[in-house]
């Protein structure tokens, strides 16, 4: 069997032009070599698999080349690689410094590549300081590390530092396409993109994943094969989840999450991916930020299509909820329930419980269908500010002549006279807060306005006796329902009829405010009983009346005695005093 060489070794760059994604560093090193500006102490730092050791080897080979060597010359006698992870003692560094004194037998320079230099001990670092600061002319030290912060400052100050960056998804995918072409492998664009993303900026990891997936799927590399082999959630999962969320299909969404867990995926990974998916949809909504979307061309089309379905407000709230779930996941005792609750909240963002409510009419649609008139929808929140003529046609005005203006009367069986309740049936408010009292008052004001022609409402005349009789009936009904305070206030003065105005006098502003607060119920009753819908209240304050109610103790006793003579008998029998 032919010996297999992994792609990371087989396709290791041999020149700076072959290095992927580090153009700034390779150009700097090339210019330094050409202009003879190369420092003798170099520090290559950056994440794993981005080309630090590779660039060090290329640099060591280039500075020893003079054009007369063979093509396959590697200058092995001039390049010394030391693994500081296993050679981190003072003795190892002393052996190295002893070798530095010997000049090279072939080429100009001896190059010492110390990998994972942060693993050196404190004593080894100190032993290396003097040699690194003043090396012989024929020596160059190249230090490589993934953790620059662990290197002591005295070493850092003696080196030129080159920070290697992560390989971008775009660059990694382009290099994978080149390798796939070299090996005669047919690969889908999305498949290579997923591999590049999974590598997380490390080209060596990308090549290792590529080899693994090729071993699994053969010469045809598909997106499905890659996601199955790498055990990752592909884009289709999140596209389907987002569609279910936008359509408020909570049961189907929970079933999909259950199937994801059944395949062995982690709920934390799923919800974090969903937040990233919302982020990608958000950047698709602005043409200037589409370039931030790191996906294949086919997937990009799907993102653009779905981003048109989701509003910006939904995506902002969705990202916030998903991110909050992500933060709470590790500390949660019931992690599955946490994710399911988050999914239900996401599916409820765009849900409007009233959007399917067709009862947006002052009079039921069935009535208009009977008389052959097309029903006119009415915005109930704007009734008070909308003139009757703009809401109802003349035919409707005639049909609603019998509707009372208070809308509190019991609905009769005939649909033509039924008045639907406004927002009060949908919203319940507490009777204890100021806000609820204000809401209740506004609702009663809306109830006073009916979409009819006010000129056709009845305005029968009435006498003083009729007014007093109806007034007393209303007071007794208040007492029967337990509203003794309001009944007592309405009994302070006898109402006086002055045309369509009911004149009242109260001793203080508190009494007036209390009556005005309940005037809609009072006027609704009186207007209906007297068949006059132009009746209104005219309340004044008479402070002299308040003085009349400021009784002395004797006056209070006399008043009580008038109401109940037995009180005087009780006082005399037991010899009571005030």
Protein backbone atom coordinates (compact mmCIF):
# COMPACT_ATOMS: atom_id res chain seq x y z
CA UNK A 1 0.00 0.00 0.00
CA UNK A 2 1.31 3.42 -0.97
CA UNK A 3 2.31 5.61 1.94
CA UNK A 4 -0.29 8.34 2.56
CA UNK A 5 0.91 11.87 3.31
CA UNK A 6 -1.60 14.20 4.93
CA UNK A 7 -2.45 17.35 3.01
CA UNK A 8 -0.99 19.61 5.73
CA UNK A 9 2.46 18.12 5.01
CA UNK A 10 2.02 17.39 1.31
CA UNK A 11 0.91 20.93 0.49
CA UNK A 12 3.08 22.80 3.00
CA UNK A 13 4.14 26.09 1.30
CA UNK A 14 7.71 26.14 -0.07
CA UNK A 15 7.87 29.88 -0.81
CA UNK A 16 6.35 32.98 0.70
CA UNK A 17 3.96 33.25 -2.28
CA UNK A 18 2.36 29.96 -1.29
CA UNK A 19 1.61 31.08 2.29
CA UNK A 20 -2.13 31.60 2.75
CA UNK A 21 -3.56 34.73 4.33
CA UNK A 22 -0.34 36.31 5.70
CA UNK A 23 0.56 38.68 2.89
CA UNK A 24 1.57 41.59 5.13
CA UNK A 25 4.13 39.47 7.02
CA UNK A 26 5.54 37.66 3.97
CA UNK A 27 5.96 40.94 2.07
CA UNK A 28 7.76 42.49 5.06
CA UNK A 29 10.16 39.55 5.32
CA UNK A 30 10.86 39.59 1.56
CA UNK A 31 11.65 43.31 1.65
CA UNK A 32 13.86 42.82 4.71
CA UNK A 33 15.87 40.13 2.91
CA UNK A 34 16.22 42.18 -0.28
CA UNK A 35 17.27 45.34 1.57
CA UNK A 36 19.48 43.50 4.10
CA UNK A 37 17.32 44.75 6.99
CA UNK A 38 16.66 41.44 8.66
CA UNK A 39 16.93 41.42 12.45
CA UNK A 40 18.79 38.60 14.23
CA UNK A 41 15.95 38.00 16.71
CA UNK A 42 12.43 37.42 15.35
CA UNK A 43 9.28 36.42 17.23
CA UNK A 44 6.42 34.84 15.28
CA UNK A 45 3.23 34.82 17.33
CA UNK A 46 -0.37 33.91 16.53
CA UNK A 47 -2.95 31.11 16.75
CA UNK A 48 -2.20 27.53 15.78
CA UNK A 49 -1.99 26.41 12.16
CA UNK A 50 -1.57 29.84 10.56
CA UNK A 51 1.97 29.38 9.16
CA UNK A 52 4.46 30.48 11.86
CA UNK A 53 6.81 27.50 11.61
CA UNK A 54 6.35 27.32 7.84
CA UNK A 55 7.40 30.96 7.41
CA UNK A 56 10.38 30.38 9.70
CA UNK A 57 11.59 27.48 7.54
CA UNK A 58 11.05 29.42 4.31
CA UNK A 59 12.96 32.38 5.76
CA UNK A 60 15.85 30.13 6.92
CA UNK A 61 16.10 28.63 3.45
CA UNK A 62 15.92 31.97 1.61
CA UNK A 63 18.67 33.72 3.58
CA UNK A 64 21.07 30.86 2.82
CA UNK A 65 20.26 30.71 -0.90
CA UNK A 66 22.67 32.32 -3.33
CA UNK A 67 21.36 30.80 -6.56
CA UNK A 68 24.05 28.13 -6.92
CA UNK A 69 22.43 25.45 -4.75
CA UNK A 70 20.34 22.55 -5.96
CA UNK A 71 16.58 22.96 -6.30
CA UNK A 72 15.86 20.48 -3.53
CA UNK A 73 18.50 21.85 -1.15
CA UNK A 74 17.00 22.28 2.32
CA UNK A 75 20.14 23.47 4.20
CA UNK A 76 19.45 20.92 6.92
CA UNK A 77 22.93 21.48 8.41
CA UNK A 78 22.20 25.18 8.90
CA UNK A 79 18.69 24.98 10.35
CA UNK A 80 18.16 23.84 13.92
CA UNK A 81 14.68 23.35 15.29
CA UNK A 82 14.21 23.17 19.04
CA UNK A 83 10.95 22.20 20.70
CA UNK A 84 10.87 24.31 23.86
CA UNK A 85 7.98 22.25 25.25
CA UNK A 86 10.32 19.30 25.86
CA UNK A 87 13.66 21.18 25.99
CA UNK A 88 12.90 23.92 28.46
CA UNK A 89 15.66 23.61 31.03
CA UNK A 90 18.73 25.77 31.58
CA UNK A 91 21.02 22.96 30.35
CA UNK A 92 19.17 22.80 27.02
CA UNK A 93 19.67 26.52 26.47
CA UNK A 94 23.35 26.28 27.46
CA UNK A 95 23.88 23.55 24.86
CA UNK A 96 22.26 25.80 22.28
CA UNK A 97 24.45 28.80 23.15
CA UNK A 98 27.56 26.60 22.92
CA UNK A 99 26.61 25.58 19.36
CA UNK A 100 25.97 29.20 18.36
CA UNK A 101 29.68 29.99 18.47
CA UNK A 102 30.46 27.53 15.63
CA UNK A 103 30.04 29.15 12.16
CA UNK A 104 28.03 27.34 9.40
CA UNK A 105 29.83 24.95 7.06
CA UNK A 106 27.39 25.59 4.17
CA UNK A 107 25.64 28.90 3.49
CA UNK A 108 25.82 32.19 5.36
CA UNK A 109 23.66 31.75 8.41
CA UNK A 110 22.81 29.27 11.12
CA UNK A 111 19.12 29.62 11.91
CA UNK A 112 17.69 28.47 15.25
CA UNK A 113 13.92 27.96 15.25
CA UNK A 114 12.60 27.62 18.81
CA UNK A 115 8.98 26.46 18.73
CA UNK A 116 6.58 26.98 21.67
CA UNK A 117 9.14 29.31 23.23
CA UNK A 118 6.70 30.34 25.99
CA UNK A 119 7.28 26.89 27.57
CA UNK A 120 10.84 27.81 28.61
CA UNK A 121 11.40 28.12 32.32
CA UNK A 122 12.24 31.42 33.97
CA UNK A 123 15.85 30.36 34.43
CA UNK A 124 16.11 29.24 30.80
CA UNK A 125 14.80 32.60 29.61
CA UNK A 126 17.41 34.41 31.70
CA UNK A 127 20.19 32.15 30.38
CA UNK A 128 19.09 32.93 26.82
CA UNK A 129 18.97 36.72 27.23
CA UNK A 130 22.63 37.57 26.61
CA UNK A 131 22.96 35.38 23.53
CA UNK A 132 19.72 36.76 22.04
CA UNK A 133 20.79 40.36 22.60
CA UNK A 134 24.29 40.00 21.08
CA UNK A 135 24.33 36.92 18.82
CA UNK A 136 27.21 36.18 16.43
CA UNK A 137 26.88 37.64 12.95
CA UNK A 138 26.17 34.24 11.43
CA UNK A 139 23.20 33.44 13.74
CA UNK A 140 19.53 34.26 13.49
CA UNK A 141 16.96 33.24 16.12
CA UNK A 142 13.32 32.73 15.16
CA UNK A 143 11.01 32.19 18.13
CA UNK A 144 7.48 30.90 17.60
CA UNK A 145 4.65 30.87 20.11
CA UNK A 146 0.88 30.84 20.43
CA UNK A 147 0.92 32.65 23.81
CA UNK A 148 2.98 35.81 23.59
CA UNK A 149 1.78 37.06 26.97
CA UNK A 150 3.72 34.27 28.72
CA UNK A 151 7.07 35.48 27.38
CA UNK A 152 9.03 37.76 29.71
CA UNK A 153 9.32 41.41 28.61
CA UNK A 154 13.15 41.27 28.41
CA UNK A 155 12.86 38.66 25.63
CA UNK A 156 10.13 40.59 23.80
CA UNK A 157 12.21 43.77 23.80
CA UNK A 158 15.08 41.95 22.03
CA UNK A 159 12.94 40.66 19.12
CA UNK A 160 11.11 41.98 16.09
CA UNK A 161 7.54 40.79 16.64
CA UNK A 162 5.36 39.52 13.78
CA UNK A 163 1.70 38.90 14.71
CA UNK A 164 0.16 36.23 12.48
CA UNK A 165 -3.61 36.56 12.03
CA UNK A 166 -6.27 33.90 11.67
CA UNK A 167 -6.89 32.67 8.14
CA UNK A 168 -10.15 34.12 6.84
CA UNK A 169 -12.90 31.77 5.71
CA UNK A 170 -12.59 33.16 2.20
CA UNK A 171 -8.83 32.47 1.97
CA UNK A 172 -9.14 29.02 3.53
CA UNK A 173 -11.93 28.05 1.12
CA UNK A 174 -9.92 29.25 -1.88
CA UNK A 175 -6.93 27.13 -0.82
CA UNK A 176 -9.17 24.10 -0.26
CA UNK A 177 -10.55 24.55 -3.78
CA UNK A 178 -6.99 24.54 -5.12
CA UNK A 179 -6.15 21.31 -3.24
CA UNK A 180 -9.42 19.65 -4.32
CA UNK A 181 -8.58 20.47 -7.92
CA UNK A 182 -5.06 19.08 -7.50
CA UNK A 183 -6.46 15.81 -6.14
CA UNK A 184 -9.25 15.54 -8.74
CA UNK A 185 -12.02 15.90 -6.15
CA UNK A 186 -15.40 17.43 -7.00
CA UNK A 187 -16.44 19.63 -4.08
CA UNK A 188 -19.53 21.77 -3.55
CA UNK A 189 -18.89 25.39 -2.65
CA UNK A 190 -20.96 25.14 0.54
CA UNK A 191 -19.11 21.97 1.60
CA UNK A 192 -15.72 23.71 1.44
CA UNK A 193 -17.19 26.74 3.18
CA UNK A 194 -18.36 24.64 6.12
CA UNK A 195 -14.90 23.07 6.41
CA UNK A 196 -13.27 26.52 6.39
CA UNK A 197 -15.66 27.73 9.08
CA UNK A 198 -15.12 24.64 11.22
CA UNK A 199 -11.34 25.20 11.08
CA UNK A 200 -11.80 28.51 12.94
CA UNK A 201 -8.95 30.34 11.22
CA UNK A 202 -6.40 27.49 11.30
CA UNK A 203 -5.29 26.32 7.85
CA UNK A 204 -3.75 23.13 9.24
CA UNK A 205 -7.07 22.23 10.88
CA UNK A 206 -8.89 22.93 7.61
CA UNK A 207 -6.59 20.52 5.74
CA UNK A 208 -7.02 17.85 8.42
CA UNK A 209 -10.81 18.14 8.23
CA UNK A 210 -10.61 18.05 4.43
CA UNK A 211 -8.67 14.76 4.53
CA UNK A 212 -11.18 13.26 6.96
CA UNK A 213 -14.21 14.19 4.91
CA UNK A 214 -12.61 12.98 1.68
CA UNK A 215 -11.97 9.62 3.36
CA UNK A 216 -15.67 9.51 4.28
CA UNK A 217 -17.28 10.62 1.01
CA UNK A 218 -14.67 9.82 -1.66
CA UNK A 219 -14.14 11.96 -4.73
CA UNK A 220 -17.51 13.75 -4.47
CA UNK A 221 -17.62 16.20 -1.58
CA UNK A 222 -21.18 17.38 -0.80
CA UNK A 223 -22.56 19.68 1.85
CA UNK A 224 -24.67 16.89 3.30
CA UNK A 225 -21.67 14.57 3.60
CA UNK A 226 -19.63 17.29 5.33
CA UNK A 227 -22.33 18.14 7.87
CA UNK A 228 -22.95 14.47 8.59
CA UNK A 229 -19.28 13.66 9.07
CA UNK A 230 -18.47 16.76 11.14
CA UNK A 231 -21.68 16.46 13.16
CA UNK A 232 -22.58 20.12 12.68
CA UNK A 233 -25.95 21.78 12.19
CA UNK A 234 -26.12 23.04 8.63
CA UNK A 235 -27.82 26.17 7.35
CA UNK A 236 -31.02 24.34 6.38
CA UNK A 237 -31.76 23.58 10.04
CA UNK A 238 -31.70 27.25 10.97
CA UNK A 239 -33.61 28.31 7.86
CA UNK A 240 -36.38 25.89 8.79
CA UNK A 241 -36.34 27.01 12.46
CA UNK A 242 -36.63 30.67 11.45
CA UNK A 243 -39.54 29.94 9.09
CA UNK A 244 -41.40 28.14 11.91
CA UNK A 245 -40.70 31.04 14.29
CA UNK A 246 -41.97 33.64 11.81
CA UNK A 247 -45.11 31.55 11.22
CA UNK A 248 -45.70 31.18 15.00
CA UNK A 249 -45.74 27.36 14.72
CA UNK A 250 -44.66 26.50 18.25
CA UNK A 251 -45.54 22.74 18.21
CA UNK A 252 -43.59 22.12 14.98
CA UNK A 253 -40.67 24.17 16.34
CA UNK A 254 -40.48 22.09 19.53
CA UNK A 255 -40.66 18.87 17.51
CA UNK A 256 -37.79 20.05 15.32
CA UNK A 257 -35.71 20.84 18.42
CA UNK A 258 -36.48 17.37 19.76
CA UNK A 259 -35.25 15.77 16.53
CA UNK A 260 -32.05 17.85 16.75
CA UNK A 261 -31.40 16.56 20.27
CA UNK A 262 -32.16 13.01 19.12
CA UNK A 263 -29.35 13.28 16.56
CA UNK A 264 -26.89 13.97 19.38
CA UNK A 265 -26.55 17.73 19.03
CA UNK A 266 -26.22 19.97 22.05
CA UNK A 267 -28.98 22.48 22.83
CA UNK A 268 -26.34 25.09 23.66
CA UNK A 269 -24.78 24.70 20.22
CA UNK A 270 -28.21 24.99 18.59
CA UNK A 271 -29.34 28.17 20.35
CA UNK A 272 -25.95 29.85 19.82
CA UNK A 273 -26.17 28.98 16.13
CA UNK A 274 -29.70 30.39 15.96
CA UNK A 275 -28.46 33.71 17.37
CA UNK A 276 -25.71 33.77 14.73
CA UNK A 277 -28.32 32.98 12.07
CA UNK A 278 -30.41 35.99 13.16
CA UNK A 279 -27.26 38.11 13.02
CA UNK A 280 -26.58 36.95 9.46
CA UNK A 281 -30.16 37.79 8.46
CA UNK A 282 -29.73 41.24 9.99
CA UNK A 283 -26.57 42.05 8.00
CA UNK A 284 -28.39 40.94 4.82
CA UNK A 285 -30.98 43.68 5.22
CA UNK A 286 -28.47 46.41 4.38
CA UNK A 287 -26.58 46.19 1.07
CA UNK A 288 -23.49 47.77 2.65
CA UNK A 289 -23.18 44.99 5.26
CA UNK A 290 -23.88 41.97 3.04
CA UNK A 291 -20.13 41.44 2.71
CA UNK A 292 -20.05 40.54 6.44
CA UNK A 293 -21.99 37.38 5.58
CA UNK A 294 -19.40 34.60 5.34
CA UNK A 295 -21.33 31.93 3.43
CA UNK A 296 -21.31 30.39 -0.04
CA UNK A 297 -23.05 32.02 -2.98
CA UNK A 298 -26.00 29.59 -2.99
CA UNK A 299 -26.57 30.01 0.74
CA UNK A 300 -26.24 33.77 0.44
CA UNK A 301 -29.24 33.82 -1.90
CA UNK A 302 -31.29 31.93 0.72
CA UNK A 303 -30.23 34.40 3.42
CA UNK A 304 -31.26 37.37 1.30
CA UNK A 305 -34.64 35.76 0.59
CA UNK A 306 -35.38 34.99 4.24
CA UNK A 307 -34.15 38.40 5.45
CA UNK A 308 -37.03 40.00 3.51
CA UNK A 309 -39.54 38.03 5.61
CA UNK A 310 -38.13 39.11 8.98
CA UNK A 311 -38.41 42.66 10.28
CA UNK A 312 -35.46 44.42 11.84
CA UNK A 313 -37.31 44.75 15.16
CA UNK A 314 -37.93 40.98 15.22
CA UNK A 315 -34.28 40.20 14.53
CA UNK A 316 -33.04 42.56 17.25
CA UNK A 317 -35.38 41.01 19.83
CA UNK A 318 -34.62 37.50 18.56
CA UNK A 319 -30.86 38.01 18.93
CA UNK A 320 -31.39 39.39 22.44
CA UNK A 321 -33.53 36.45 23.58
CA UNK A 322 -31.28 33.80 21.99
CA UNK A 323 -28.16 35.42 23.42
CA UNK A 324 -29.77 35.60 26.87
CA UNK A 325 -30.55 31.88 26.65
CA UNK A 326 -26.96 31.22 25.59
CA UNK A 327 -25.64 33.03 28.68
CA UNK A 328 -27.99 31.20 31.06
CA UNK A 329 -27.51 27.74 29.55
CA UNK A 330 -24.55 26.51 31.60
CA UNK A 331 -26.04 27.62 34.93
CA UNK A 332 -29.52 26.21 34.19
CA UNK A 333 -30.64 23.01 35.93
CA UNK A 334 -33.16 22.20 33.19
CA UNK A 335 -31.31 23.16 30.04
CA UNK A 336 -33.79 21.63 27.61
CA UNK A 337 -36.68 23.56 29.16
CA UNK A 338 -34.62 26.76 28.98
CA UNK A 339 -34.11 26.37 25.22
CA UNK A 340 -37.74 25.34 24.63
CA UNK A 341 -38.95 28.38 26.57
CA UNK A 342 -36.67 30.60 24.49
CA UNK A 343 -38.04 29.07 21.26
CA UNK A 344 -41.64 29.66 22.40
CA UNK A 345 -40.79 33.28 23.22
CA UNK A 346 -39.17 33.73 19.80
CA UNK A 347 -42.23 32.27 18.06
CA UNK A 348 -44.46 34.68 20.01
CA UNK A 349 -42.63 37.88 19.01
CA UNK A 350 -44.63 38.33 15.80
CA UNK A 351 -47.81 36.72 17.14
CA UNK A 352 -50.81 39.06 17.34
CA UNK A 353 -53.72 37.53 19.19
CA UNK A 354 -56.12 40.09 17.68
CA UNK A 355 -55.04 39.90 14.06
CA UNK A 356 -57.63 37.22 13.33
CA UNK A 357 -60.42 39.15 15.08
CA UNK A 358 -62.85 40.35 12.44
CA UNK A 359 -65.17 42.16 14.87
CA UNK A 360 -64.05 45.63 13.89
CA UNK A 361 -67.56 47.00 13.37
CA UNK A 362 -69.81 49.17 15.53
CA UNK A 363 -72.80 47.12 14.31
CA UNK A 364 -72.48 43.38 13.43
CA UNK A 365 -71.73 42.61 9.77
CA UNK A 366 -74.77 40.30 9.64
CA UNK A 367 -77.08 43.29 9.89
CA UNK A 368 -75.48 45.08 6.93
CA UNK A 369 -75.65 41.91 4.85
CA UNK A 370 -79.39 41.70 5.47
CA UNK A 371 -80.07 45.26 4.29
CA UNK A 372 -77.60 45.09 1.37
CA UNK A 373 -74.99 47.56 2.67
CA UNK A 374 -71.27 46.84 2.67
CA UNK A 375 -69.96 46.94 6.26
CA UNK A 376 -67.45 49.69 7.06
CA UNK A 377 -64.58 48.71 9.43
CA UNK A 378 -64.08 51.18 12.28
CA UNK A 379 -60.96 51.82 14.33
CA UNK A 380 -62.47 51.70 17.81
CA UNK A 381 -59.48 53.51 19.31
CA UNK A 382 -60.19 56.58 17.23
CA UNK A 383 -63.97 56.86 17.73
CA UNK A 384 -63.79 59.94 19.92
CA UNK A 385 -61.81 61.90 17.35
CA UNK A 386 -63.64 60.71 14.22
CA UNK A 387 -66.76 62.59 13.04
CA UNK A 388 -69.81 60.43 12.50
CA UNK A 389 -70.05 61.41 8.86
CA UNK A 390 -66.63 59.93 8.09
CA UNK A 391 -67.43 56.55 9.67
CA UNK A 392 -71.00 55.73 8.75
CA UNK A 393 -72.91 56.32 5.57
CA UNK A 394 -76.38 58.04 5.63
CA UNK A 395 -78.01 54.63 5.29
CA UNK A 396 -76.23 53.39 8.40
CA UNK A 397 -77.14 56.57 10.31
CA UNK A 398 -80.82 55.95 9.62
CA UNK A 399 -80.48 52.32 10.62
CA UNK A 400 -78.93 53.25 13.94
CA UNK A 401 -81.40 55.93 15.06
CA UNK A 402 -82.62 53.67 17.83
CA UNK A 403 -79.16 53.08 19.30
CA UNK A 404 -78.76 54.95 22.59
CA UNK A 405 -75.79 57.21 23.01
CA UNK A 406 -74.49 55.60 26.17
CA UNK A 407 -73.93 52.08 24.75
CA UNK A 408 -74.50 50.76 28.29
CA UNK A 409 -78.06 49.56 27.76
CA UNK A 410 -78.62 45.80 27.52
CA UNK A 411 -78.26 44.57 23.92
CA UNK A 412 -81.56 43.48 22.42
CA UNK A 413 -82.04 40.39 20.29
CA UNK A 414 -82.33 42.32 17.01
CA UNK A 415 -78.90 42.58 15.35
CA UNK A 416 -79.82 46.02 13.99
CA UNK A 417 -79.74 47.50 17.49
CA UNK A 418 -76.86 45.54 18.98
CA UNK A 419 -73.82 47.62 19.89
CA UNK A 420 -70.57 45.73 20.32
CA UNK A 421 -68.49 46.46 23.36
CA UNK A 422 -65.27 48.29 22.61
CA UNK A 423 -61.84 47.51 24.07
CA UNK A 424 -63.23 46.96 27.57
CA UNK A 425 -64.00 43.29 26.94
CA UNK A 426 -60.48 42.60 25.80
CA UNK A 427 -58.64 44.55 28.46
CA UNK A 428 -59.27 44.26 32.16
CA UNK A 429 -57.90 46.88 34.52
CA UNK A 430 -57.57 47.05 38.26
CA UNK A 431 -59.93 49.37 40.06
CA UNK A 432 -57.29 50.33 42.59
CA UNK A 433 -54.71 52.22 40.50
CA UNK A 434 -54.85 55.76 39.11
CA UNK A 435 -54.02 54.41 35.68
CA UNK A 436 -56.95 52.00 35.79
CA UNK A 437 -59.35 54.76 36.85
CA UNK A 438 -58.14 56.90 33.97
CA UNK A 439 -58.57 54.00 31.53
CA UNK A 440 -62.08 53.36 32.86
CA UNK A 441 -63.00 57.02 32.45
CA UNK A 442 -61.69 57.11 28.87
CA UNK A 443 -63.69 53.99 28.10
CA UNK A 444 -66.87 55.61 29.42
CA UNK A 445 -66.17 58.66 27.29
CA UNK A 446 -65.96 56.41 24.24
CA UNK A 447 -69.22 54.80 25.28
CA UNK A 448 -70.90 58.22 25.16
CA UNK A 449 -70.08 58.53 21.46
CA UNK A 450 -72.06 56.52 18.93
CA UNK A 451 -71.63 56.60 15.20
CA UNK A 452 -75.01 58.12 14.42
CA UNK A 453 -76.39 61.44 13.26
CA UNK A 454 -76.84 63.38 16.52
CA UNK A 455 -79.51 65.66 15.05
CA UNK A 456 -81.92 62.73 14.85
CA UNK A 457 -81.65 61.72 18.54
CA UNK A 458 -84.82 62.31 20.66
CA UNK A 459 -84.95 65.48 22.80
CA UNK A 460 -88.29 65.27 24.61
CA UNK A 461 -89.18 67.99 27.12
CA UNK A 462 -89.53 67.07 30.77
CA UNK A 463 -90.84 68.67 33.99
CA UNK A 464 -89.16 69.31 37.34
CA UNK A 465 -91.23 66.59 38.99
CA UNK A 466 -90.27 64.04 36.31
CA UNK A 467 -86.58 64.91 36.80
CA UNK A 468 -86.77 64.57 40.61
CA UNK A 469 -88.67 61.27 40.31
CA UNK A 470 -86.07 59.75 37.92
CA UNK A 471 -83.24 61.20 40.05
CA UNK A 472 -84.58 59.52 43.21
CA UNK A 473 -84.93 56.19 41.38
CA UNK A 474 -81.27 56.37 40.37
CA UNK A 475 -80.21 57.22 43.95
CA UNK A 476 -82.13 54.19 45.28
CA UNK A 477 -80.46 51.95 42.68
CA UNK A 478 -77.07 53.24 43.87
CA UNK A 479 -77.96 52.38 47.48
CA UNK A 480 -79.13 48.92 46.39
CA UNK A 481 -75.77 48.25 44.72
CA UNK A 482 -73.79 49.47 47.77
CA UNK A 483 -72.66 52.86 46.39
CA UNK A 484 -73.74 54.74 49.51
CA UNK A 485 -71.15 57.50 49.20
CA UNK A 486 -72.30 58.61 45.74
CA UNK A 487 -75.96 58.24 46.74
CA UNK A 488 -75.34 60.50 49.75
CA UNK A 489 -73.65 63.15 47.60
CA UNK A 490 -76.51 63.14 45.06
CA UNK A 491 -78.98 63.63 47.94
CA UNK A 492 -77.28 66.83 49.17
CA UNK A 493 -79.18 69.02 46.71
CA UNK A 494 -82.43 68.68 44.77
CA UNK A 495 -81.73 68.77 41.01
CA UNK A 496 -83.34 71.70 39.18
CA UNK A 497 -84.37 71.53 35.53
CA UNK A 498 -83.25 74.48 33.40
CA UNK A 499 -84.07 73.57 29.81
CA UNK A 500 -81.86 70.57 29.03
CA UNK A 501 -79.46 71.40 31.88
CA UNK A 502 -79.63 69.83 35.35
CA UNK A 503 -78.44 72.40 37.90
CA UNK A 504 -76.78 71.15 41.09
CA UNK A 505 -75.13 72.90 44.04
CA UNK A 506 -72.52 71.21 46.25
CA UNK A 507 -70.70 72.51 49.32
CA UNK A 508 -67.17 71.66 48.09
CA UNK A 509 -65.09 70.69 45.05
CA UNK A 510 -64.69 67.10 46.28
CA UNK A 511 -68.41 66.44 45.87
CA UNK A 512 -68.36 67.99 42.40
CA UNK A 513 -65.36 65.89 41.32
CA UNK A 514 -67.00 62.69 42.56
CA UNK A 515 -70.22 63.37 40.63
CA UNK A 516 -68.33 64.32 37.45
CA UNK A 517 -66.38 61.08 37.70
CA UNK A 518 -69.62 59.09 37.63
CA UNK A 519 -71.63 61.42 35.39
CA UNK A 520 -71.62 59.09 32.37
CA UNK A 521 -73.58 56.40 34.16
CA UNK A 522 -75.92 59.02 35.69
CA UNK A 523 -76.60 60.81 32.41
CA UNK A 524 -77.05 57.52 30.57
CA UNK A 525 -79.83 56.53 32.97
CA UNK A 526 -81.60 59.93 33.02
CA UNK A 527 -81.37 60.46 29.26
CA UNK A 528 -82.90 57.08 28.59
CA UNK A 529 -85.70 57.47 31.15
CA UNK A 530 -86.63 61.02 30.06
CA UNK A 531 -86.00 60.27 26.35
CA UNK A 532 -83.83 63.37 25.98
CA UNK A 533 -80.25 62.87 24.81
CA UNK A 534 -79.30 66.52 25.11
CA UNK A 535 -79.44 66.52 28.93
CA UNK A 536 -76.23 67.66 30.63
CA UNK A 537 -75.07 68.61 34.13
CA UNK A 538 -74.42 72.15 35.39
CA UNK A 539 -72.64 71.87 38.76
CA UNK A 540 -71.66 74.83 40.96
CA UNK A 541 -69.99 75.06 44.36
CA UNK A 542 -71.66 76.99 47.23
CA UNK A 543 -69.38 77.31 50.26
CA UNK A 544 -72.30 78.52 52.42
CA UNK A 545 -73.80 75.07 52.14
CA UNK A 546 -70.62 73.61 53.63
CA UNK A 547 -71.10 75.80 56.73
CA UNK A 548 -74.60 74.40 57.12
CA UNK A 549 -73.14 70.93 57.37
CA UNK A 550 -70.61 71.90 60.06
CA UNK A 551 -72.87 70.81 62.96
CA UNK A 552 -72.11 71.18 66.67
CA UNK A 553 -72.50 68.13 68.91
CA UNK A 554 -75.99 69.21 69.99
CA UNK A 555 -77.05 69.87 66.39
CA UNK A 556 -75.84 66.44 65.32
CA UNK A 557 -77.89 64.86 68.16
CA UNK A 558 -80.99 66.76 67.11
CA UNK A 559 -80.58 65.59 63.52
CA UNK A 560 -80.21 61.99 64.68
CA UNK A 561 -83.25 62.35 66.96
CA UNK A 562 -85.34 63.54 64.01
CA UNK A 563 -84.44 60.41 62.06
CA UNK A 564 -84.86 58.04 65.03
CA UNK A 565 -86.70 59.28 68.19
CA UNK A 566 -85.60 56.12 70.04
CA UNK A 567 -82.16 57.69 70.43
CA UNK A 568 -83.58 60.27 72.87
CA UNK A 569 -85.24 57.48 74.93
CA UNK A 570 -81.89 55.63 75.00
CA UNK A 571 -80.10 58.75 76.23
CA UNK A 572 -82.57 59.41 79.07
CA UNK A 573 -82.82 55.73 80.16
CA UNK A 574 -79.06 55.26 80.62
CA UNK A 575 -78.20 58.87 81.52
CA UNK A 576 -75.88 59.26 78.54
CA UNK A 577 -73.96 62.42 77.74
CA UNK A 578 -72.43 63.78 74.54
